[in-house]
N, C-alpha and C. Protein backbone atom coordinates (compact mmCIF):
# COMPACT_ATOMS: atom_id res chain seq x y z
N UNK A 1 64.91 22.89 45.52
CA UNK A 1 63.85 21.71 45.03
C UNK A 1 63.78 21.94 43.62
N UNK A 2 64.12 20.90 42.67
CA UNK A 2 63.96 21.14 41.53
C UNK A 2 62.61 20.28 41.02
N UNK A 3 61.74 21.07 40.13
CA UNK A 3 60.37 20.12 40.06
C UNK A 3 60.31 20.14 38.63
N UNK A 4 59.45 19.10 38.30
CA UNK A 4 58.96 18.65 36.93
C UNK A 4 57.65 18.63 36.88
N UNK A 5 56.95 19.11 35.59
CA UNK A 5 55.49 18.70 35.21
C UNK A 5 55.58 17.98 34.27
N UNK A 6 54.82 16.85 34.13
CA UNK A 6 54.73 15.88 33.12
C UNK A 6 53.15 15.50 33.23
N UNK A 7 52.93 14.73 32.10
CA UNK A 7 51.68 13.96 31.72
C UNK A 7 51.72 12.58 32.55
N UNK A 8 50.75 12.45 33.38
CA UNK A 8 50.46 11.21 34.14
C UNK A 8 50.81 10.11 33.36
N UNK A 9 51.43 9.22 33.75
CA UNK A 9 51.58 7.88 33.22
C UNK A 9 51.84 6.82 34.10
N UNK A 10 51.90 5.59 33.85
CA UNK A 10 51.90 4.40 34.76
C UNK A 10 53.31 4.49 35.63
N UNK A 11 54.29 5.12 35.35
CA UNK A 11 55.27 5.46 36.32
C UNK A 11 55.15 6.06 37.63
N UNK A 12 53.97 6.74 37.56
CA UNK A 12 53.88 8.03 38.38
C UNK A 12 53.48 7.17 39.90
N UNK A 13 53.93 7.51 40.96
CA UNK A 13 53.44 6.75 42.13
C UNK A 13 52.36 7.85 42.79
N UNK A 14 51.09 7.54 42.80
CA UNK A 14 49.99 8.09 43.23
C UNK A 14 49.27 7.67 44.38
N UNK A 15 49.85 6.85 44.79
CA UNK A 15 48.90 5.67 45.72
C UNK A 15 48.99 6.47 47.37
N UNK A 16 50.08 7.30 47.59
CA UNK A 16 50.03 7.73 48.86
C UNK A 16 49.49 9.24 48.87
N UNK A 17 48.83 9.88 47.66
CA UNK A 17 48.47 11.32 47.54
C UNK A 17 47.48 11.54 48.41
N UNK A 18 47.53 12.47 49.29
CA UNK A 18 46.29 13.04 50.05
C UNK A 18 46.39 14.42 50.00
N UNK A 19 45.36 15.34 49.68
CA UNK A 19 45.30 16.65 49.87
C UNK A 19 44.15 17.13 50.72
N UNK A 20 43.33 16.52 51.53
CA UNK A 20 42.52 16.72 52.20
C UNK A 20 41.11 17.10 51.59
N UNK A 21 41.04 16.51 50.36
CA UNK A 21 39.64 16.51 49.63
C UNK A 21 39.57 15.19 49.08
N UNK A 22 38.92 14.34 49.75
CA UNK A 22 38.59 12.80 49.46
C UNK A 22 38.19 12.56 47.74
N UNK A 23 37.25 13.84 47.27
CA UNK A 23 37.42 13.51 45.80
C UNK A 23 38.19 13.73 44.77
N UNK A 24 39.30 14.50 45.55
CA UNK A 24 40.48 15.07 44.53
C UNK A 24 41.56 13.76 44.76
N UNK A 25 41.58 13.25 46.04
CA UNK A 25 42.26 12.13 46.36
C UNK A 25 42.08 10.79 45.42
N UNK A 26 40.82 10.65 45.51
CA UNK A 26 40.32 9.45 44.90
C UNK A 26 40.44 9.40 43.08
N UNK A 27 40.01 10.81 42.95
CA UNK A 27 40.34 11.08 41.28
C UNK A 27 41.71 10.74 40.93
N UNK A 28 42.82 10.95 41.65
CA UNK A 28 44.24 11.13 40.98
C UNK A 28 44.56 9.37 41.08
N UNK A 29 43.92 8.74 42.21
CA UNK A 29 44.27 7.12 42.73
C UNK A 29 43.52 6.37 41.68
N UNK A 30 42.24 6.44 41.57
CA UNK A 30 41.22 5.68 40.51
C UNK A 30 40.93 6.28 39.48
N UNK A 31 40.89 7.47 38.98
CA UNK A 31 40.12 7.58 37.93
C UNK A 31 40.91 8.24 36.71
N UNK A 32 41.84 9.18 37.11
CA UNK A 32 42.72 10.12 36.32
C UNK A 32 43.39 8.98 35.22
N UNK A 33 43.86 8.13 35.40
CA UNK A 33 44.69 7.47 34.45
C UNK A 33 43.68 6.59 33.16
N UNK A 34 42.45 6.64 33.75
CA UNK A 34 41.27 6.31 32.63
C UNK A 34 40.76 7.07 31.81
N UNK A 35 40.71 8.67 32.56
CA UNK A 35 40.31 9.52 31.90
C UNK A 35 41.22 10.03 30.74
N UNK A 36 42.68 10.00 31.20
CA UNK A 36 43.74 10.06 29.99
C UNK A 36 43.57 9.04 28.91
N UNK A 37 43.78 7.89 29.48
CA UNK A 37 43.29 6.75 28.32
C UNK A 37 42.16 6.90 27.43
N UNK A 38 41.26 7.30 27.91
CA UNK A 38 40.01 7.72 27.09
C UNK A 38 39.82 8.89 26.32
N UNK A 39 40.97 9.83 26.49
CA UNK A 39 41.12 11.20 25.84
C UNK A 39 39.92 12.01 26.39
N UNK A 40 39.53 11.87 27.78
CA UNK A 40 38.56 12.71 28.29
C UNK A 40 39.19 14.23 28.92
N UNK A 41 40.36 13.75 29.46
CA UNK A 41 41.14 14.85 30.08
C UNK A 41 42.60 14.78 30.13
N UNK A 42 43.82 15.48 30.16
CA UNK A 42 44.90 15.26 30.29
C UNK A 42 45.19 15.54 31.81
N UNK A 43 46.33 14.74 32.37
CA UNK A 43 46.31 14.82 33.82
C UNK A 43 47.54 15.41 34.03
N UNK A 44 48.31 16.34 34.31
CA UNK A 44 49.51 16.94 34.59
C UNK A 44 49.94 16.80 35.93
N UNK A 45 50.90 16.07 36.24
CA UNK A 45 51.55 15.80 37.57
C UNK A 45 52.95 16.81 37.67
N UNK A 46 52.94 16.90 39.07
CA UNK A 46 53.80 17.83 39.82
C UNK A 46 54.81 16.74 40.53
N UNK A 47 56.29 16.61 40.05
CA UNK A 47 56.98 15.67 40.77
C UNK A 47 58.28 16.53 41.21
N UNK A 48 59.11 15.93 42.14
CA UNK A 48 60.33 16.39 42.31
C UNK A 48 61.12 15.64 41.37
N UNK A 49 62.32 16.51 40.54
CA UNK A 49 63.11 15.98 39.47
C UNK A 49 63.84 14.85 40.17
N UNK A 50 63.54 13.74 39.25
CA UNK A 50 64.36 12.48 39.67
C UNK A 50 63.46 11.63 40.35
N UNK A 51 62.15 11.90 40.92
CA UNK A 51 61.29 11.04 41.69
C UNK A 51 60.09 11.19 41.19
N UNK A 52 59.09 10.07 41.05
CA UNK A 52 57.83 9.83 40.71
C UNK A 52 56.86 9.99 41.40
N UNK A 53 56.92 10.26 42.73
CA UNK A 53 55.82 10.53 43.56
C UNK A 53 55.26 11.66 43.31
N UNK A 54 53.80 11.78 43.01
CA UNK A 54 53.11 13.06 42.72
C UNK A 54 52.98 13.81 43.92
N UNK A 55 53.23 15.08 43.97
CA UNK A 55 53.25 16.33 44.72
C UNK A 55 51.72 16.71 44.85
N UNK A 56 51.63 16.94 43.13
CA UNK A 56 50.23 17.55 42.84
C UNK A 56 49.65 17.31 41.50
N UNK A 57 48.77 17.75 41.30
CA UNK A 57 48.35 17.88 39.81
C UNK A 57 47.31 18.68 39.25
N UNK A 58 46.94 18.63 38.21
CA UNK A 58 45.76 19.31 37.59
C UNK A 58 45.28 18.64 36.24
N UNK A 59 44.06 18.84 35.80
CA UNK A 59 43.51 18.15 34.53
C UNK A 59 43.07 19.20 33.77
N UNK A 60 43.21 19.13 32.58
CA UNK A 60 42.72 20.27 31.42
C UNK A 60 41.77 19.46 30.38
N UNK A 61 40.55 19.74 30.09
CA UNK A 61 39.84 19.25 28.93
C UNK A 61 39.19 20.18 28.08
N UNK A 62 38.97 20.00 26.94
CA UNK A 62 38.20 20.91 26.15
C UNK A 62 36.91 20.98 26.38
N UNK A 63 36.36 22.27 26.45
CA UNK A 63 34.99 22.36 26.97
C UNK A 63 34.27 23.70 26.24
N UNK A 64 33.21 23.69 26.28
CA UNK A 64 32.11 24.76 25.83
C UNK A 64 31.14 25.29 26.70
N UNK A 65 30.89 26.50 26.74
CA UNK A 65 29.94 26.92 27.78
C UNK A 65 28.76 27.87 26.70
N UNK A 66 27.62 27.81 27.28
CA UNK A 66 26.45 28.48 26.70
C UNK A 66 26.93 29.94 26.42
N UNK A 67 26.79 30.99 25.55
CA UNK A 67 26.82 32.48 25.72
C UNK A 67 26.12 32.95 26.73
N UNK A 68 24.90 32.55 26.91
CA UNK A 68 23.60 32.95 28.24
C UNK A 68 24.40 32.65 29.40
N UNK A 69 25.67 31.76 29.59
CA UNK A 69 26.03 31.57 30.96
C UNK A 69 27.19 32.85 31.31
N UNK A 70 27.70 33.60 30.18
CA UNK A 70 28.49 34.55 30.54
C UNK A 70 28.28 35.96 30.92
N UNK A 71 28.83 36.53 31.64
CA UNK A 71 28.23 37.87 31.92
C UNK A 71 27.90 38.73 30.74
N UNK A 72 26.83 39.52 30.73
CA UNK A 72 26.18 40.15 29.53
C UNK A 72 27.23 40.98 28.59
N UNK A 73 28.10 41.80 29.52
CA UNK A 73 29.20 42.52 28.89
C UNK A 73 30.20 41.95 27.64
N UNK A 74 30.44 40.58 28.38
CA UNK A 74 31.25 39.68 27.62
C UNK A 74 30.41 39.26 26.48
N UNK A 75 29.27 38.48 26.81
CA UNK A 75 28.42 37.77 25.79
C UNK A 75 27.84 38.77 24.72
N UNK A 76 27.57 39.81 24.95
CA UNK A 76 27.27 40.68 23.58
C UNK A 76 28.15 40.83 22.70
N UNK A 77 29.28 40.65 22.94
CA UNK A 77 30.52 40.85 21.90
C UNK A 77 30.64 39.64 21.20
N UNK A 78 29.72 38.41 21.49
CA UNK A 78 30.13 37.05 20.84
C UNK A 78 29.13 36.74 19.83
N UNK A 79 29.32 36.20 18.81
CA UNK A 79 28.50 35.72 17.86
C UNK A 79 27.73 34.34 18.08
N UNK A 80 28.37 33.41 18.55
CA UNK A 80 28.34 32.04 18.39
C UNK A 80 27.73 31.81 19.99
N UNK A 81 26.35 30.74 19.87
CA UNK A 81 26.04 29.82 20.90
C UNK A 81 26.92 29.26 22.08
N UNK A 82 27.63 28.64 21.43
CA UNK A 82 28.74 27.71 22.19
C UNK A 82 29.97 28.34 21.92
N UNK A 83 30.58 28.54 23.18
CA UNK A 83 31.85 29.33 23.40
C UNK A 83 33.00 28.59 23.85
N UNK A 84 33.84 28.51 22.89
CA UNK A 84 35.07 27.37 23.45
C UNK A 84 35.51 27.80 24.63
N UNK A 85 35.99 26.89 25.28
CA UNK A 85 36.85 26.99 26.70
C UNK A 85 37.75 25.85 26.95
N UNK A 86 38.55 26.16 27.79
CA UNK A 86 39.39 24.81 28.49
C UNK A 86 38.83 24.57 29.79
N UNK A 87 38.74 23.52 30.54
CA UNK A 87 37.96 23.23 31.81
C UNK A 87 39.25 23.00 32.59
N UNK A 88 39.55 23.55 33.50
CA UNK A 88 40.70 23.32 34.46
C UNK A 88 39.70 22.49 35.52
N UNK A 89 39.70 21.18 35.20
CA UNK A 89 38.84 20.27 35.78
C UNK A 89 39.25 20.05 37.51
N UNK A 90 40.20 19.97 37.83
CA UNK A 90 40.83 19.51 39.10
C UNK A 90 42.17 20.32 39.39
N UNK A 91 42.49 20.58 40.40
CA UNK A 91 43.89 21.07 40.70
C UNK A 91 43.92 20.90 42.21
N UNK A 92 44.90 20.00 42.61
CA UNK A 92 45.30 19.57 43.91
C UNK A 92 46.73 19.34 44.02
N UNK A 93 47.14 19.55 45.55
CA UNK A 93 48.37 19.54 46.09
C UNK A 93 48.19 18.93 47.28
N UNK A 94 49.40 17.92 47.48
CA UNK A 94 49.49 17.02 48.85
C UNK A 94 49.58 17.84 49.85
N UNK A 95 48.90 17.46 50.87
CA UNK A 95 49.21 17.93 52.05
C UNK A 95 50.37 18.36 52.78
N UNK A 96 51.19 17.43 52.50
CA UNK A 96 52.39 17.68 52.87
C UNK A 96 53.23 18.79 52.13
N UNK A 97 52.78 19.36 50.95
CA UNK A 97 53.18 20.40 50.18
C UNK A 97 52.53 21.78 50.26
N UNK A 98 51.49 21.73 50.95
CA UNK A 98 50.81 22.97 50.85
C UNK A 98 51.34 23.77 51.64
N UNK A 99 51.01 25.16 51.54
CA UNK A 99 51.76 26.45 52.20
C UNK A 99 52.98 26.68 51.56
N UNK A 100 53.54 26.39 50.49
CA UNK A 100 54.91 26.60 50.27
C UNK A 100 54.99 27.28 48.99
N UNK A 101 53.39 27.78 48.24
CA UNK A 101 53.48 28.38 47.23
C UNK A 101 53.30 27.45 45.98
N UNK A 102 53.17 26.11 46.00
CA UNK A 102 53.22 25.21 44.84
C UNK A 102 51.98 25.16 44.31
N UNK A 103 51.08 25.64 44.99
CA UNK A 103 49.60 25.49 44.41
C UNK A 103 49.35 26.77 43.32
N UNK A 104 50.07 27.79 43.71
CA UNK A 104 50.27 29.00 42.87
C UNK A 104 50.99 28.73 41.50
N UNK A 105 52.05 27.72 42.08
CA UNK A 105 53.00 27.27 40.92
C UNK A 105 52.39 26.68 39.77
N UNK A 106 51.49 25.38 40.58
CA UNK A 106 50.58 24.81 39.70
C UNK A 106 49.81 25.39 38.79
N UNK A 107 48.91 26.35 39.43
CA UNK A 107 47.89 26.96 38.37
C UNK A 107 48.68 27.75 37.47
N UNK A 108 49.60 28.64 38.01
CA UNK A 108 50.55 29.37 37.09
C UNK A 108 50.63 28.56 35.64
N UNK A 109 51.26 27.47 35.97
CA UNK A 109 51.84 26.48 34.61
C UNK A 109 50.65 25.76 34.20
N UNK A 110 49.17 25.86 34.74
CA UNK A 110 48.21 25.39 33.85
C UNK A 110 47.74 26.68 32.93
N UNK A 111 47.68 27.98 33.46
CA UNK A 111 47.29 29.08 32.83
C UNK A 111 48.11 29.31 31.62
N UNK A 112 49.34 29.30 31.89
CA UNK A 112 50.48 29.45 30.91
C UNK A 112 50.25 28.33 29.78
N UNK A 113 49.77 27.03 29.85
CA UNK A 113 49.58 26.10 28.99
C UNK A 113 48.59 26.41 27.96
N UNK A 114 47.52 27.04 28.83
CA UNK A 114 46.16 27.19 28.43
C UNK A 114 46.32 28.52 27.39
N UNK A 115 47.34 29.37 27.63
CA UNK A 115 47.61 30.66 26.91
C UNK A 115 48.30 29.98 25.75
N UNK A 116 49.14 29.15 25.66
CA UNK A 116 49.93 28.57 24.53
C UNK A 116 48.81 27.82 23.67
N UNK A 117 47.74 27.01 24.51
CA UNK A 117 46.90 26.30 23.41
C UNK A 117 46.25 27.34 22.79
N UNK A 118 45.81 28.76 23.38
CA UNK A 118 45.02 29.73 22.97
C UNK A 118 45.81 30.30 21.60
N UNK A 119 46.98 30.16 21.30
CA UNK A 119 47.73 30.75 20.08
C UNK A 119 47.51 29.63 19.15
N UNK A 120 46.70 28.33 19.20
CA UNK A 120 46.90 27.48 18.37
C UNK A 120 45.26 26.99 18.20
N UNK A 121 44.46 27.35 18.81
CA UNK A 121 43.08 27.17 18.49
C UNK A 121 42.05 28.34 19.31
N UNK A 122 40.93 28.36 18.72
CA UNK A 122 40.00 29.32 19.44
C UNK A 122 39.67 28.91 20.68
N UNK A 123 39.96 29.77 22.10
CA UNK A 123 39.74 29.31 23.35
C UNK A 123 39.42 30.67 23.96
N UNK A 124 38.20 30.94 24.35
CA UNK A 124 37.82 32.21 25.02
C UNK A 124 38.46 32.43 26.47
N UNK A 125 38.59 31.26 27.17
CA UNK A 125 38.61 31.34 28.56
C UNK A 125 38.91 29.91 29.11
N UNK A 126 39.38 30.28 30.40
CA UNK A 126 39.52 28.84 31.28
C UNK A 126 38.50 28.90 32.23
N UNK A 127 38.01 27.71 32.45
CA UNK A 127 37.06 27.52 33.43
C UNK A 127 37.25 26.75 34.47
N UNK A 128 36.94 27.13 35.57
CA UNK A 128 37.01 26.19 37.00
C UNK A 128 35.58 26.17 37.73
N UNK A 129 35.47 24.97 38.11
CA UNK A 129 34.43 24.44 39.32
C UNK A 129 35.00 24.52 40.88
N UNK A 130 35.32 25.37 41.33
CA UNK A 130 35.83 25.33 42.59
C UNK A 130 34.95 24.41 43.55
N UNK A 131 35.80 23.43 44.28
CA UNK A 131 35.31 22.38 45.17
C UNK A 131 34.88 23.06 46.34
N UNK A 132 35.10 23.95 46.96
CA UNK A 132 34.54 24.58 47.91
C UNK A 132 34.89 26.19 48.05
N UNK A 133 34.40 26.85 49.27
CA UNK A 133 34.81 28.17 49.45
C UNK A 133 36.26 28.48 49.36
N UNK A 134 36.98 27.75 49.99
CA UNK A 134 38.47 27.94 50.18
C UNK A 134 39.39 27.99 48.84
N UNK A 135 38.79 27.03 47.48
CA UNK A 135 39.13 26.93 46.57
C UNK A 135 38.71 28.19 45.51
N UNK A 136 37.45 28.54 46.01
CA UNK A 136 36.95 29.61 45.08
C UNK A 136 37.65 30.93 45.36
N UNK A 137 38.14 31.22 46.69
CA UNK A 137 39.23 32.39 47.35
C UNK A 137 40.39 32.19 46.39
N UNK A 138 40.68 30.97 46.48
CA UNK A 138 42.06 30.87 45.81
C UNK A 138 42.16 31.05 44.17
N UNK A 139 41.00 30.76 43.62
CA UNK A 139 40.72 31.38 42.26
C UNK A 139 40.65 32.65 42.10
N UNK A 140 39.91 33.32 42.89
CA UNK A 140 39.53 34.74 42.89
C UNK A 140 40.69 35.55 43.10
N UNK A 141 41.51 34.94 44.05
CA UNK A 141 43.33 35.66 44.14
C UNK A 141 43.81 36.01 43.03
N UNK A 142 43.63 34.80 42.49
CA UNK A 142 44.12 34.90 41.05
C UNK A 142 43.62 35.73 39.60
N UNK A 143 42.44 36.20 39.87
CA UNK A 143 41.81 36.91 38.77
C UNK A 143 40.44 36.19 38.21
N UNK A 144 40.08 34.94 38.74
CA UNK A 144 39.21 34.31 38.20
C UNK A 144 37.86 35.13 38.59
N UNK A 145 36.85 34.98 37.79
CA UNK A 145 35.71 35.48 37.94
C UNK A 145 34.30 34.61 38.21
N UNK A 146 33.59 35.11 39.01
CA UNK A 146 32.42 34.08 39.37
C UNK A 146 31.30 34.13 37.96
N UNK A 147 31.00 32.97 37.70
CA UNK A 147 29.60 33.09 36.64
C UNK A 147 28.40 33.04 37.74
N UNK A 148 27.49 34.20 37.28
CA UNK A 148 26.39 34.22 37.96
C UNK A 148 25.55 33.01 38.22
N UNK A 149 25.22 32.45 39.37
CA UNK A 149 24.32 31.46 39.48
C UNK A 149 24.79 30.15 39.12
N UNK A 150 25.94 30.02 39.23
CA UNK A 150 26.50 28.52 38.74
C UNK A 150 27.67 27.95 39.71
N UNK A 151 28.46 28.77 40.25
CA UNK A 151 29.46 28.32 41.14
C UNK A 151 30.82 28.31 40.51
N UNK A 152 30.68 28.27 39.24
CA UNK A 152 31.90 28.50 38.17
C UNK A 152 32.34 29.68 37.98
N UNK A 153 33.81 29.64 37.77
CA UNK A 153 34.61 30.73 37.44
C UNK A 153 35.32 30.71 36.35
N UNK A 154 35.49 32.04 35.67
CA UNK A 154 36.23 31.78 34.46
C UNK A 154 37.61 32.82 34.76
N UNK A 155 38.43 32.69 33.53
CA UNK A 155 39.63 33.98 33.06
C UNK A 155 39.58 33.66 31.72
N UNK A 156 39.20 34.76 30.96
CA UNK A 156 39.58 34.76 29.72
C UNK A 156 41.27 34.66 29.24
N UNK A 157 41.39 34.30 28.17
CA UNK A 157 42.70 33.72 27.71
C UNK A 157 43.46 35.29 27.34
N UNK A 158 43.01 36.28 27.17
CA UNK A 158 43.52 37.61 27.12
C UNK A 158 43.89 38.09 28.40
N UNK A 159 43.08 37.79 29.45
CA UNK A 159 43.73 38.18 30.94
C UNK A 159 44.69 37.46 30.99
N UNK A 160 44.64 36.39 30.58
CA UNK A 160 45.94 35.34 30.92
C UNK A 160 47.40 35.92 30.39
N UNK A 161 47.04 36.18 29.13
CA UNK A 161 48.01 36.48 28.26
C UNK A 161 48.90 38.08 28.66
N UNK A 162 47.80 38.77 29.30
CA UNK A 162 48.11 40.02 29.82
C UNK A 162 49.10 39.66 31.01
N UNK A 163 48.77 39.01 31.56
CA UNK A 163 49.45 38.67 32.79
C UNK A 163 50.64 38.28 32.69
N UNK A 164 50.96 37.36 31.66
CA UNK A 164 52.16 36.84 31.31
C UNK A 164 53.05 37.69 30.83
N UNK A 165 52.42 38.56 29.91
CA UNK A 165 53.23 39.68 29.15
C UNK A 165 53.75 40.76 30.54
N UNK A 166 53.07 40.72 31.49
CA UNK A 166 53.40 41.93 32.38
C UNK A 166 54.75 41.14 33.15
N UNK A 167 54.49 39.91 33.30
CA UNK A 167 55.55 39.10 34.28
C UNK A 167 56.86 39.07 33.33
N UNK A 168 56.88 39.26 32.00
CA UNK A 168 57.87 39.13 31.37
C UNK A 168 58.64 40.81 31.21
N UNK A 169 58.12 41.80 31.55
CA UNK A 169 58.58 43.29 31.39
C UNK A 169 59.63 43.42 32.48
N UNK A 170 60.60 43.79 31.92
CA UNK A 170 61.70 44.30 32.78
C UNK A 170 61.29 45.42 34.06
N UNK A 171 61.99 44.97 35.37
CA UNK A 171 61.58 45.86 36.68
C UNK A 171 62.50 46.92 36.71
N UNK A 172 61.96 48.25 36.66
CA UNK A 172 62.94 49.26 36.70
C UNK A 172 64.18 49.41 37.92
């Protein structure tokens, strides 16, 4: 199955999307297009090549966190009070495509995109707000670190870049 990831537009069929989380289902069906039009988020959708049915999606937005929200060992190295980040606001995969590794694929693509953005502008980290414990475990398995007392998680762009560089190394 050949896949494509593109920015959500009016040609994409999202009416049948269901992932098991009503908030994420409703977002793609009712709110995502408005957020894109208002420049509040960019929604990337996963489809089979040649098909416009949305299999999954994620959103990216510019974001900032207060320095005091970060772990002390990281915060003490930073001189600004507001730290630039990217918010991976939503990530969802339709129920019919779950369990096939496509969630990992979507997250990997999102993180690669964030690393590329980090080469063009200052971004310390990617932030996520896991919707539930299952989502938190998913992000933790990728190396996201919980922010104490907030429910949020983050991964630095340097960590993402190191992972991408390791993936590019030839195997012996």
